[in-house]
Amino acid sequence: MKLSAFFVLSLLALTLVACGKPTAPESATSEGYGTTHEGKAAEGRNEVKD
């Protein structure tokens, strides 16, 4: 029982270390809002409607 609890806790600790904390973009500006990752305007259903 102790061995399996130790194994589960070790696995949980390793998972938390590997994943780290969630990160957010450095700046939250809306400058690239509505563009693709290449900087082009979105088309079709992803297009930003005014």
N, C-alpha and C. Protein backbone atom coordinates (compact mmCIF):
# COMPACT_ATOMS: atom_id res chain seq x y z
N MET A 1 0.83 -1.20 0.00
CA MET A 1 0.00 0.00 0.00
C MET A 1 0.87 1.25 0.00
N LYS A 2 1.89 1.25 0.86
CA LYS A 2 2.75 2.43 0.93
C LYS A 2 3.53 2.62 -0.37
N LEU A 3 3.93 1.50 -0.96
CA LEU A 3 4.70 1.58 -2.20
C LEU A 3 3.84 2.13 -3.34
N SER A 4 2.60 1.70 -3.44
CA SER A 4 1.74 2.20 -4.51
C SER A 4 1.39 3.67 -4.28
N ALA A 5 1.19 4.10 -3.04
CA ALA A 5 0.92 5.50 -2.74
C ALA A 5 2.14 6.35 -3.09
N PHE A 6 3.31 5.86 -2.77
CA PHE A 6 4.55 6.57 -3.12
C PHE A 6 4.69 6.71 -4.63
N PHE A 7 4.37 5.63 -5.36
CA PHE A 7 4.45 5.65 -6.81
C PHE A 7 3.48 6.67 -7.41
N VAL A 8 2.25 6.69 -6.91
CA VAL A 8 1.25 7.62 -7.42
C VAL A 8 1.65 9.06 -7.12
N LEU A 9 2.11 9.33 -5.91
CA LEU A 9 2.54 10.69 -5.56
C LEU A 9 3.76 11.12 -6.37
N SER A 10 4.68 10.20 -6.61
CA SER A 10 5.86 10.53 -7.43
C SER A 10 5.46 10.85 -8.85
N LEU A 11 4.52 10.08 -9.39
CA LEU A 11 4.04 10.32 -10.75
C LEU A 11 3.34 11.67 -10.85
N LEU A 12 2.55 12.01 -9.85
CA LEU A 12 1.88 13.29 -9.83
C LEU A 12 2.88 14.44 -9.75
N ALA A 13 3.88 14.30 -8.90
CA ALA A 13 4.90 15.34 -8.76
C ALA A 13 5.67 15.53 -10.06
N LEU A 14 6.04 14.44 -10.72
CA LEU A 14 6.76 14.53 -11.99
C LEU A 14 5.90 15.18 -13.08
N THR A 15 4.61 14.88 -13.06
CA THR A 15 3.70 15.48 -14.03
C THR A 15 3.62 16.98 -13.83
N LEU A 16 3.51 17.42 -12.59
CA LEU A 16 3.43 18.85 -12.31
C LEU A 16 4.72 19.56 -12.69
N VAL A 17 5.85 18.93 -12.45
CA VAL A 17 7.14 19.53 -12.80
C VAL A 17 7.28 19.62 -14.32
N ALA A 18 6.87 18.58 -15.03
CA ALA A 18 7.02 18.55 -16.49
C ALA A 18 6.10 19.56 -17.16
N CYS A 19 4.90 19.71 -16.67
CA CYS A 19 3.93 20.61 -17.30
C CYS A 19 4.19 22.06 -16.93
N GLY A 20 4.63 22.32 -15.75
CA GLY A 20 4.88 23.69 -15.32
C GLY A 20 3.59 24.44 -15.13
N LYS A 21 3.70 25.74 -15.05
CA LYS A 21 2.51 26.55 -14.86
C LYS A 21 2.01 27.06 -16.21
N PRO A 22 0.74 27.35 -16.32
CA PRO A 22 0.22 27.89 -17.58
C PRO A 22 0.82 29.26 -17.87
N THR A 23 1.06 29.54 -19.12
CA THR A 23 1.64 30.82 -19.50
C THR A 23 0.66 31.60 -20.36
N ALA A 24 0.79 32.87 -20.34
CA ALA A 24 -0.04 33.76 -21.14
C ALA A 24 0.87 34.57 -22.04
N PRO A 25 0.36 35.10 -23.12
CA PRO A 25 1.19 35.96 -23.97
C PRO A 25 1.73 37.15 -23.17
N GLU A 26 2.89 37.62 -23.56
CA GLU A 26 3.52 38.72 -22.83
C GLU A 26 2.69 39.99 -22.89
N SER A 27 2.13 40.30 -24.04
CA SER A 27 1.31 41.50 -24.15
C SER A 27 -0.08 41.10 -24.61
N ALA A 28 -1.06 41.70 -24.03
CA ALA A 28 -2.45 41.36 -24.37
C ALA A 28 -3.06 42.41 -25.28
N THR A 29 -2.33 42.87 -26.27
CA THR A 29 -2.87 43.87 -27.20
C THR A 29 -3.74 43.17 -28.24
N SER A 30 -4.66 43.90 -28.83
CA SER A 30 -5.54 43.32 -29.84
C SER A 30 -5.03 43.64 -31.24
N GLU A 31 -3.79 43.92 -31.34
CA GLU A 31 -3.20 44.33 -32.62
C GLU A 31 -3.30 43.23 -33.68
N GLY A 32 -3.12 41.96 -33.31
CA GLY A 32 -3.19 40.88 -34.28
C GLY A 32 -4.52 40.16 -34.27
N TYR A 33 -5.53 40.74 -33.64
CA TYR A 33 -6.83 40.09 -33.53
C TYR A 33 -7.48 39.99 -34.90
N GLY A 34 -7.95 38.81 -35.23
CA GLY A 34 -8.63 38.62 -36.51
C GLY A 34 -7.69 38.29 -37.65
N THR A 35 -6.42 38.00 -37.34
CA THR A 35 -5.46 37.63 -38.38
C THR A 35 -5.00 36.20 -38.16
N THR A 36 -4.46 35.61 -39.20
CA THR A 36 -3.90 34.27 -39.09
C THR A 36 -2.52 34.35 -38.46
N HIS A 37 -1.93 33.19 -38.22
CA HIS A 37 -0.59 33.18 -37.64
C HIS A 37 0.45 33.79 -38.58
N GLU A 38 0.09 33.93 -39.85
CA GLU A 38 1.00 34.54 -40.83
C GLU A 38 0.77 36.04 -40.96
N GLY A 39 -0.22 36.57 -40.24
CA GLY A 39 -0.50 38.00 -40.29
C GLY A 39 -1.50 38.41 -41.35
N LYS A 40 -2.04 37.44 -42.08
CA LYS A 40 -3.02 37.74 -43.12
C LYS A 40 -4.41 37.84 -42.50
N ALA A 41 -5.29 38.56 -43.17
CA ALA A 41 -6.67 38.68 -42.68
C ALA A 41 -7.37 37.33 -42.74
N ALA A 42 -8.16 37.04 -41.73
CA ALA A 42 -8.90 35.78 -41.71
C ALA A 42 -10.01 35.80 -42.74
N GLU A 43 -10.32 34.63 -43.29
CA GLU A 43 -11.34 34.52 -44.30
C GLU A 43 -12.39 33.50 -43.87
N GLY A 44 -13.56 33.58 -44.47
CA GLY A 44 -14.61 32.60 -44.21
C GLY A 44 -15.19 32.73 -42.82
N ARG A 45 -15.41 31.60 -42.16
CA ARG A 45 -16.06 31.62 -40.86
C ARG A 45 -15.20 32.24 -39.77
N ASN A 46 -13.90 32.39 -40.01
CA ASN A 46 -13.01 32.99 -39.03
C ASN A 46 -12.86 34.50 -39.19
N GLU A 47 -13.55 35.05 -40.17
CA GLU A 47 -13.46 36.47 -40.44
C GLU A 47 -14.10 37.28 -39.31
N VAL A 48 -13.47 38.39 -38.95
CA VAL A 48 -13.99 39.25 -37.89
C VAL A 48 -15.06 40.15 -38.47
N LYS A 49 -16.26 40.10 -37.90
CA LYS A 49 -17.38 40.93 -38.37
C LYS A 49 -17.43 42.20 -37.54
N ASP A 50 -17.63 43.33 -38.20
CA ASP A 50 -17.73 44.61 -37.48
C ASP A 50 -19.12 44.85 -36.97
